[in-house]
PDB file of all heavy atoms in Angstrom:
ATOM      1  N   GLU A   1       4.068   4.446 -11.169  1.00  0.00           N
ATOM      2  CA  GLU A   1       3.687   4.919 -12.490  1.00  0.00           C
ATOM      3  C   GLU A   1       2.794   6.150 -12.401  1.00  0.00           C
ATOM      4  O   GLU A   1       1.799   6.161 -11.675  1.00  0.00           O
ATOM      5  CB  GLU A   1       2.972   3.811 -13.263  1.00  0.00           C
ATOM      6  CG  GLU A   1       3.871   2.637 -13.612  1.00  0.00           C
ATOM      7  CD  GLU A   1       3.164   1.607 -14.482  1.00  0.00           C
ATOM      8  OE1 GLU A   1       2.011   1.845 -14.878  1.00  0.00           O
ATOM      9  OE2 GLU A   1       3.787   0.560 -14.754  1.00  0.00           O
ATOM     10  N   GLY A   2       3.165   7.193 -13.131  1.00  0.00           N
ATOM     11  CA  GLY A   2       2.360   8.408 -13.150  1.00  0.00           C
ATOM     12  C   GLY A   2       2.322   9.062 -11.789  1.00  0.00           C
ATOM     13  O   GLY A   2       3.349   9.256 -11.145  1.00  0.00           O
ATOM     14  N   SER A   3       1.131   9.402 -11.341  1.00  0.00           N
ATOM     15  CA  SER A   3       0.943  10.069 -10.059  1.00  0.00           C
ATOM     16  C   SER A   3       0.548   9.055  -8.996  1.00  0.00           C
ATOM     17  O   SER A   3      -0.266   8.167  -9.249  1.00  0.00           O
ATOM     18  CB  SER A   3      -0.145  11.137 -10.184  1.00  0.00           C
ATOM     19  OG  SER A   3       0.210  12.107 -11.142  1.00  0.00           O
ATOM     20  N   GLY A   4       1.129   9.168  -7.812  1.00  0.00           N
ATOM     21  CA  GLY A   4       0.783   8.210  -6.776  1.00  0.00           C
ATOM     22  C   GLY A   4       1.613   8.365  -5.521  1.00  0.00           C
ATOM     23  O   GLY A   4       2.129   9.437  -5.225  1.00  0.00           O
ATOM     24  N   TRP A   5       1.757   7.259  -4.820  1.00  0.00           N
ATOM     25  CA  TRP A   5       2.372   7.251  -3.495  1.00  0.00           C
ATOM     26  C   TRP A   5       3.201   5.984  -3.294  1.00  0.00           C
ATOM     27  O   TRP A   5       2.929   4.951  -3.898  1.00  0.00           O
ATOM     28  CB  TRP A   5       1.288   7.256  -2.412  1.00  0.00           C
ATOM     29  CG  TRP A   5       0.346   8.401  -2.476  1.00  0.00           C
ATOM     30  CD1 TRP A   5      -0.664   8.593  -3.385  1.00  0.00           C
ATOM     31  CD2 TRP A   5       0.300   9.522  -1.598  1.00  0.00           C
ATOM     32  NE1 TRP A   5      -1.324   9.759  -3.117  1.00  0.00           N
ATOM     33  CE2 TRP A   5      -0.760  10.351  -2.026  1.00  0.00           C
ATOM     34  CE3 TRP A   5       1.061   9.901  -0.482  1.00  0.00           C
ATOM     35  CZ2 TRP A   5      -1.074  11.540  -1.380  1.00  0.00           C
ATOM     36  CZ3 TRP A   5       0.739  11.087   0.165  1.00  0.00           C
ATOM     37  CH2 TRP A   5      -0.311  11.893  -0.294  1.00  0.00           C
ATOM     38  N   ALA A   6       4.168   6.088  -2.396  1.00  0.00           N
ATOM     39  CA  ALA A   6       4.791   4.909  -1.802  1.00  0.00           C
ATOM     40  C   ALA A   6       4.325   4.877  -0.349  1.00  0.00           C
ATOM     41  O   ALA A   6       4.187   5.930   0.291  1.00  0.00           O
ATOM     42  CB  ALA A   6       6.309   4.988  -1.866  1.00  0.00           C
ATOM     43  N   ALA A   7       4.069   3.694   0.156  1.00  0.00           N
ATOM     44  CA  ALA A   7       3.545   3.581   1.520  1.00  0.00           C
ATOM     45  C   ALA A   7       4.133   2.366   2.227  1.00  0.00           C
ATOM     46  O   ALA A   7       4.408   1.346   1.588  1.00  0.00           O
ATOM     47  CB  ALA A   7       2.021   3.474   1.501  1.00  0.00           C
ATOM     48  N   LEU A   8       4.301   2.505   3.517  1.00  0.00           N
ATOM     49  CA  LEU A   8       4.653   1.379   4.378  1.00  0.00           C
ATOM     50  C   LEU A   8       3.382   1.004   5.127  1.00  0.00           C
ATOM     51  O   LEU A   8       2.759   1.853   5.767  1.00  0.00           O
ATOM     52  CB  LEU A   8       5.753   1.765   5.362  1.00  0.00           C
ATOM     53  CG  LEU A   8       6.172   0.675   6.365  1.00  0.00           C
ATOM     54  CD1 LEU A   8       6.783  -0.516   5.639  1.00  0.00           C
ATOM     55  CD2 LEU A   8       7.138   1.239   7.399  1.00  0.00           C
ATOM     56  N   ALA A   9       2.987  -0.256   5.011  1.00  0.00           N
ATOM     57  CA  ALA A   9       1.720  -0.694   5.598  1.00  0.00           C
ATOM     58  C   ALA A   9       1.908  -2.016   6.318  1.00  0.00           C
ATOM     59  O   ALA A   9       2.887  -2.743   6.096  1.00  0.00           O
ATOM     60  CB  ALA A   9       0.657  -0.828   4.514  1.00  0.00           C
ATOM     61  N   ILE A  10       0.962  -2.316   7.185  1.00  0.00           N
ATOM     62  CA  ILE A  10       1.028  -3.566   7.952  1.00  0.00           C
ATOM     63  C   ILE A  10      -0.388  -4.005   8.295  1.00  0.00           C
ATOM     64  O   ILE A  10      -1.306  -3.181   8.394  1.00  0.00           O
ATOM     65  CB  ILE A  10       1.862  -3.372   9.243  1.00  0.00           C
ATOM     66  CG1 ILE A  10       2.227  -4.709   9.882  1.00  0.00           C
ATOM     67  CG2 ILE A  10       1.139  -2.474  10.237  1.00  0.00           C
ATOM     68  CD1 ILE A  10       3.248  -4.592  11.012  1.00  0.00           C
ATOM     69  N   HIS A  11      -0.576  -5.300   8.447  1.00  0.00           N
ATOM     70  CA  HIS A  11      -1.865  -5.835   8.865  1.00  0.00           C
ATOM     71  C   HIS A  11      -1.625  -6.807  10.015  1.00  0.00           C
ATOM     72  O   HIS A  11      -0.703  -7.631   9.960  1.00  0.00           O
ATOM     73  CB  HIS A  11      -2.559  -6.554   7.705  1.00  0.00           C
ATOM     74  CG  HIS A  11      -3.998  -6.846   7.974  1.00  0.00           C
ATOM     75  ND1 HIS A  11      -4.417  -7.875   8.786  1.00  0.00           N
ATOM     76  CD2 HIS A  11      -5.131  -6.225   7.544  1.00  0.00           C
ATOM     77  CE1 HIS A  11      -5.730  -7.889   8.841  1.00  0.00           C
ATOM     78  NE2 HIS A  11      -6.195  -6.900   8.097  1.00  0.00           N
ATOM     79  N   PRO A  12      -2.447  -6.739  11.076  1.00  0.00           N
ATOM     80  CA  PRO A  12      -2.198  -7.590  12.246  1.00  0.00           C
ATOM     81  C   PRO A  12      -2.285  -9.083  11.959  1.00  0.00           C
ATOM     82  O   PRO A  12      -1.629  -9.887  12.626  1.00  0.00           O
ATOM     83  CB  PRO A  12      -3.284  -7.147  13.250  1.00  0.00           C
ATOM     84  CG  PRO A  12      -4.324  -6.455  12.411  1.00  0.00           C
ATOM     85  CD  PRO A  12      -3.575  -5.813  11.295  1.00  0.00           C
ATOM     86  N   CYS A  13      -3.069  -9.472  10.931  1.00  0.00           N
ATOM     87  CA  CYS A  13      -3.184 -10.911  10.668  1.00  0.00           C
ATOM     88  C   CYS A  13      -1.924 -11.467  10.035  1.00  0.00           C
ATOM     89  O   CYS A  13      -1.687 -12.676  10.075  1.00  0.00           O
ATOM     90  CB  CYS A  13      -4.402 -11.203   9.796  1.00  0.00           C
ATOM     91  SG  CYS A  13      -4.204 -10.789   8.055  1.00  0.00           S
ATOM     92  N   VAL A  14      -1.128 -10.611   9.429  1.00  0.00           N
ATOM     93  CA  VAL A  14       0.135 -11.032   8.825  1.00  0.00           C
ATOM     94  C   VAL A  14       1.302 -10.681   9.739  1.00  0.00           C
ATOM     95  O   VAL A  14       2.246 -11.459   9.899  1.00  0.00           O
ATOM     96  CB  VAL A  14       0.336 -10.373   7.438  1.00  0.00           C
ATOM     97  CG1 VAL A  14       1.664 -10.802   6.827  1.00  0.00           C
ATOM     98  CG2 VAL A  14      -0.811 -10.729   6.508  1.00  0.00           C
ATOM     99  N   GLY A  15       1.239  -9.490  10.333  1.00  0.00           N
ATOM    100  CA  GLY A  15       2.262  -9.069  11.282  1.00  0.00           C
ATOM    101  C   GLY A  15       3.593  -8.727  10.646  1.00  0.00           C
ATOM    102  O   GLY A  15       4.635  -8.815  11.309  1.00  0.00           O
ATOM    103  N   ARG A  16       3.579  -8.332   9.377  1.00  0.00           N
ATOM    104  CA  ARG A  16       4.824  -7.966   8.720  1.00  0.00           C
ATOM    105  C   ARG A  16       4.605  -6.684   7.919  1.00  0.00           C
ATOM    106  O   ARG A  16       3.547  -6.491   7.316  1.00  0.00           O
ATOM    107  CB  ARG A  16       5.314  -9.093   7.812  1.00  0.00           C
ATOM    108  CG  ARG A  16       4.332  -9.515   6.743  1.00  0.00           C
ATOM    109  CD  ARG A  16       4.775 -10.739   5.964  1.00  0.00           C
ATOM    110  NE  ARG A  16       5.997 -10.491   5.215  1.00  0.00           N
ATOM    111  CZ  ARG A  16       6.597 -11.405   4.455  1.00  0.00           C
ATOM    112  NH1 ARG A  16       6.070 -12.629   4.357  1.00  0.00           N
ATOM    113  NH2 ARG A  16       7.711 -11.112   3.796  1.00  0.00           N
ATOM    114  N   PRO A  17       5.607  -5.813   7.887  1.00  0.00           N
ATOM    115  CA  PRO A  17       5.474  -4.576   7.122  1.00  0.00           C
ATOM    116  C   PRO A  17       5.663  -4.843   5.631  1.00  0.00           C
ATOM    117  O   PRO A  17       6.529  -5.618   5.240  1.00  0.00           O
ATOM    118  CB  PRO A  17       6.600  -3.703   7.674  1.00  0.00           C
ATOM    119  CG  PRO A  17       7.657  -4.688   8.078  1.00  0.00           C
ATOM    120  CD  PRO A  17       6.913  -5.908   8.573  1.00  0.00           C
ATOM    121  N   LEU A  18       4.848  -4.206   4.810  1.00  0.00           N
ATOM    122  CA  LEU A  18       4.936  -4.347   3.367  1.00  0.00           C
ATOM    123  C   LEU A  18       4.928  -2.974   2.720  1.00  0.00           C
ATOM    124  O   LEU A  18       4.284  -2.050   3.213  1.00  0.00           O
ATOM    125  CB  LEU A  18       3.760  -5.175   2.835  1.00  0.00           C
ATOM    126  CG  LEU A  18       3.676  -6.629   3.305  1.00  0.00           C
ATOM    127  CD1 LEU A  18       2.371  -7.256   2.841  1.00  0.00           C
ATOM    128  CD2 LEU A  18       4.856  -7.432   2.778  1.00  0.00           C
ATOM    129  N   ILE A  19       5.632  -2.850   1.623  1.00  0.00           N
ATOM    130  CA  ILE A  19       5.661  -1.601   0.875  1.00  0.00           C
ATOM    131  C   ILE A  19       4.588  -1.655  -0.210  1.00  0.00           C
ATOM    132  O   ILE A  19       4.456  -2.656  -0.909  1.00  0.00           O
ATOM    133  CB  ILE A  19       7.045  -1.373   0.240  1.00  0.00           C
ATOM    134  CG1 ILE A  19       8.100  -1.175   1.339  1.00  0.00           C
ATOM    135  CG2 ILE A  19       7.031  -0.158  -0.693  1.00  0.00           C
ATOM    136  CD1 ILE A  19       9.525  -1.161   0.827  1.00  0.00           C
ATOM    137  N   MET A  20       3.801  -0.581  -0.306  1.00  0.00           N
ATOM    138  CA  MET A  20       2.781  -0.470  -1.345  1.00  0.00           C
ATOM    139  C   MET A  20       3.161   0.632  -2.324  1.00  0.00           C
ATOM    140  O   MET A  20       3.655   1.681  -1.918  1.00  0.00           O
ATOM    141  CB  MET A  20       1.416  -0.088  -0.749  1.00  0.00           C
ATOM    142  CG  MET A  20       0.686  -1.162  -0.019  1.00  0.00           C
ATOM    143  SD  MET A  20      -1.064  -0.719   0.301  1.00  0.00           S
ATOM    144  CE  MET A  20      -0.901   0.653   1.453  1.00  0.00           C
ATOM    145  N   GLN A  21       2.897   0.403  -3.595  1.00  0.00           N
ATOM    146  CA  GLN A  21       2.874   1.460  -4.591  1.00  0.00           C
ATOM    147  C   GLN A  21       1.402   1.779  -4.852  1.00  0.00           C
ATOM    148  O   GLN A  21       0.652   0.908  -5.292  1.00  0.00           O
ATOM    149  CB  GLN A  21       3.525   1.017  -5.896  1.00  0.00           C
ATOM    150  CG  GLN A  21       5.037   1.023  -5.901  1.00  0.00           C
ATOM    151  CD  GLN A  21       5.583   0.662  -7.281  1.00  0.00           C
ATOM    152  OE1 GLN A  21       5.071  -0.224  -7.947  1.00  0.00           O
ATOM    153  NE2 GLN A  21       6.632   1.336  -7.702  1.00  0.00           N
ATOM    154  N   ILE A  22       1.006   2.989  -4.563  1.00  0.00           N
ATOM    155  CA  ILE A  22      -0.385   3.382  -4.759  1.00  0.00           C
ATOM    156  C   ILE A  22      -0.468   4.295  -5.969  1.00  0.00           C
ATOM    157  O   ILE A  22       0.090   5.394  -5.954  1.00  0.00           O
ATOM    158  CB  ILE A  22      -0.946   4.112  -3.522  1.00  0.00           C
ATOM    159  CG1 ILE A  22      -0.760   3.257  -2.261  1.00  0.00           C
ATOM    160  CG2 ILE A  22      -2.417   4.460  -3.732  1.00  0.00           C
ATOM    161  CD1 ILE A  22      -1.131   3.978  -0.982  1.00  0.00           C
ATOM    162  N   GLU A  23      -1.136   3.844  -7.008  1.00  0.00           N
ATOM    163  CA  GLU A  23      -1.348   4.704  -8.164  1.00  0.00           C
ATOM    164  C   GLU A  23      -2.551   5.595  -7.888  1.00  0.00           C
ATOM    165  O   GLU A  23      -3.547   5.155  -7.320  1.00  0.00           O
ATOM    166  CB  GLU A  23      -1.575   3.862  -9.415  1.00  0.00           C
ATOM    167  CG  GLU A  23      -0.355   3.053  -9.835  1.00  0.00           C
ATOM    168  CD  GLU A  23      -0.631   2.175 -11.046  1.00  0.00           C
ATOM    169  OE1 GLU A  23      -1.703   2.352 -11.669  1.00  0.00           O
ATOM    170  OE2 GLU A  23       0.201   1.312 -11.352  1.00  0.00           O
ATOM    171  N   LYS A  24      -2.430   6.865  -8.298  1.00  0.00           N
ATOM    172  CA  LYS A  24      -3.444   7.870  -7.962  1.00  0.00           C
ATOM    173  C   LYS A  24      -3.574   7.890  -6.439  1.00  0.00           C
ATOM    174  O   LYS A  24      -2.611   8.118  -5.746  1.00  0.00           O
ATOM    175  CB  LYS A  24      -4.756   7.595  -8.684  1.00  0.00           C
ATOM    176  CG  LYS A  24      -4.609   7.663 -10.194  1.00  0.00           C
ATOM    177  CD  LYS A  24      -5.922   7.417 -10.909  1.00  0.00           C
ATOM    178  CE  LYS A  24      -5.735   7.500 -12.416  1.00  0.00           C
ATOM    179  NZ  LYS A  24      -6.992   7.252 -13.152  1.00  0.00           N
ATOM    180  N   HIS A  25      -4.782   7.649  -5.906  1.00  0.00           N
ATOM    181  CA  HIS A  25      -4.943   7.614  -4.452  1.00  0.00           C
ATOM    182  C   HIS A  25      -5.521   6.289  -3.960  1.00  0.00           C
ATOM    183  O   HIS A  25      -5.658   6.087  -2.747  1.00  0.00           O
ATOM    184  CB  HIS A  25      -5.903   8.720  -3.979  1.00  0.00           C
ATOM    185  CG  HIS A  25      -5.467  10.095  -4.322  1.00  0.00           C
ATOM    186  ND1 HIS A  25      -4.228  10.605  -3.979  1.00  0.00           N
ATOM    187  CD2 HIS A  25      -6.095  11.090  -4.972  1.00  0.00           C
ATOM    188  CE1 HIS A  25      -4.129  11.836  -4.408  1.00  0.00           C
ATOM    189  NE2 HIS A  25      -5.244  12.163  -5.020  1.00  0.00           N
ATOM    190  N   ASN A  26      -5.872   5.410  -4.889  1.00  0.00           N
ATOM    191  CA  ASN A  26      -6.663   4.264  -4.448  1.00  0.00           C
ATOM    192  C   ASN A  26      -6.485   3.010  -5.296  1.00  0.00           C
ATOM    193  O   ASN A  26      -7.282   2.087  -5.204  1.00  0.00           O
ATOM    194  CB  ASN A  26      -8.145   4.642  -4.423  1.00  0.00           C
ATOM    195  CG  ASN A  26      -8.613   5.293  -5.725  1.00  0.00           C
ATOM    196  OD1 ASN A  26      -7.853   5.354  -6.685  1.00  0.00           O
ATOM    197  ND2 ASN A  26      -9.849   5.774  -5.755  1.00  0.00           N
ATOM    198  N   VAL A  27      -5.435   2.972  -6.119  1.00  0.00           N
ATOM    199  CA  VAL A  27      -5.199   1.807  -6.967  1.00  0.00           C
ATOM    200  C   VAL A  27      -3.976   1.045  -6.456  1.00  0.00           C
ATOM    201  O   VAL A  27      -2.960   1.642  -6.111  1.00  0.00           O
ATOM    202  CB  VAL A  27      -4.978   2.228  -8.434  1.00  0.00           C
ATOM    203  CG1 VAL A  27      -4.786   1.007  -9.320  1.00  0.00           C
ATOM    204  CG2 VAL A  27      -6.164   3.053  -8.939  1.00  0.00           C
ATOM    205  N   ASN A  28      -4.061  -0.260  -6.429  1.00  0.00           N
ATOM    206  CA  ASN A  28      -2.989  -1.162  -5.961  1.00  0.00           C
ATOM    207  C   ASN A  28      -2.799  -1.146  -4.450  1.00  0.00           C
ATOM    208  O   ASN A  28      -1.721  -1.466  -3.957  1.00  0.00           O
ATOM    209  CB  ASN A  28      -1.648  -0.840  -6.636  1.00  0.00           C
ATOM    210  CG  ASN A  28      -1.686  -1.039  -8.139  1.00  0.00           C
ATOM    211  OD1 ASN A  28      -2.611  -1.648  -8.664  1.00  0.00           O
ATOM    212  ND2 ASN A  28      -0.695  -0.522  -8.828  1.00  0.00           N
ATOM    213  N   VAL A  29      -3.830  -0.795  -3.703  1.00  0.00           N
ATOM    214  CA  VAL A  29      -3.712  -0.795  -2.248  1.00  0.00           C
ATOM    215  C   VAL A  29      -3.974  -2.197  -1.705  1.00  0.00           C
ATOM    216  O   VAL A  29      -4.586  -3.039  -2.363  1.00  0.00           O
ATOM    217  CB  VAL A  29      -4.699   0.201  -1.596  1.00  0.00           C
ATOM    218  CG1 VAL A  29      -4.428   1.612  -2.070  1.00  0.00           C
ATOM    219  CG2 VAL A  29      -6.146  -0.200  -1.870  1.00  0.00           C
ATOM    220  N   PHE A  30      -3.510  -2.438  -0.479  1.00  0.00           N
ATOM    221  CA  PHE A  30      -3.830  -3.674   0.231  1.00  0.00           C
ATOM    222  C   PHE A  30      -5.030  -3.363   1.129  1.00  0.00           C
ATOM    223  O   PHE A  30      -4.861  -2.670   2.143  1.00  0.00           O
ATOM    224  CB  PHE A  30      -2.658  -4.139   1.097  1.00  0.00           C
ATOM    225  CG  PHE A  30      -1.358  -4.313   0.351  1.00  0.00           C
ATOM    226  CD1 PHE A  30      -0.144  -4.020   0.971  1.00  0.00           C
ATOM    227  CD2 PHE A  30      -1.329  -4.768  -0.952  1.00  0.00           C
ATOM    228  CE1 PHE A  30       1.059  -4.179   0.306  1.00  0.00           C
ATOM    229  CE2 PHE A  30      -0.127  -4.937  -1.628  1.00  0.00           C
ATOM    230  CZ  PHE A  30       1.073  -4.636  -0.995  1.00  0.00           C
ATOM    231  N   PRO A  31      -6.218  -3.822   0.811  1.00  0.00           N
ATOM    232  CA  PRO A  31      -7.399  -3.479   1.606  1.00  0.00           C
ATOM    233  C   PRO A  31      -7.248  -3.859   3.073  1.00  0.00           C
ATOM    234  O   PRO A  31      -6.746  -4.931   3.401  1.00  0.00           O
ATOM    235  CB  PRO A  31      -8.519  -4.284   0.940  1.00  0.00           C
ATOM    236  CG  PRO A  31      -8.055  -4.479  -0.472  1.00  0.00           C
ATOM    237  CD  PRO A  31      -6.559  -4.652  -0.359  1.00  0.00           C
ATOM    238  N   THR A  32      -7.653  -2.959   3.943  1.00  0.00           N
ATOM    239  CA  THR A  32      -7.674  -3.061   5.415  1.00  0.00           C
ATOM    240  C   THR A  32      -6.292  -3.029   6.057  1.00  0.00           C
ATOM    241  O   THR A  32      -6.181  -3.138   7.271  1.00  0.00           O
ATOM    242  CB  THR A  32      -8.443  -4.295   5.928  1.00  0.00           C
ATOM    243  OG1 THR A  32      -7.668  -5.486   5.789  1.00  0.00           O
ATOM    244  CG2 THR A  32      -9.785  -4.446   5.226  1.00  0.00           C
TER     245      THR A  32
END
């Protein structure tokens, strides 16, 4: 929505890649 990013991210405690939609630069992110 609006301005933002698509991102591929991963966390070692989960060990699986997930897609993020980031609104602006810092909304809807998966912390760490």
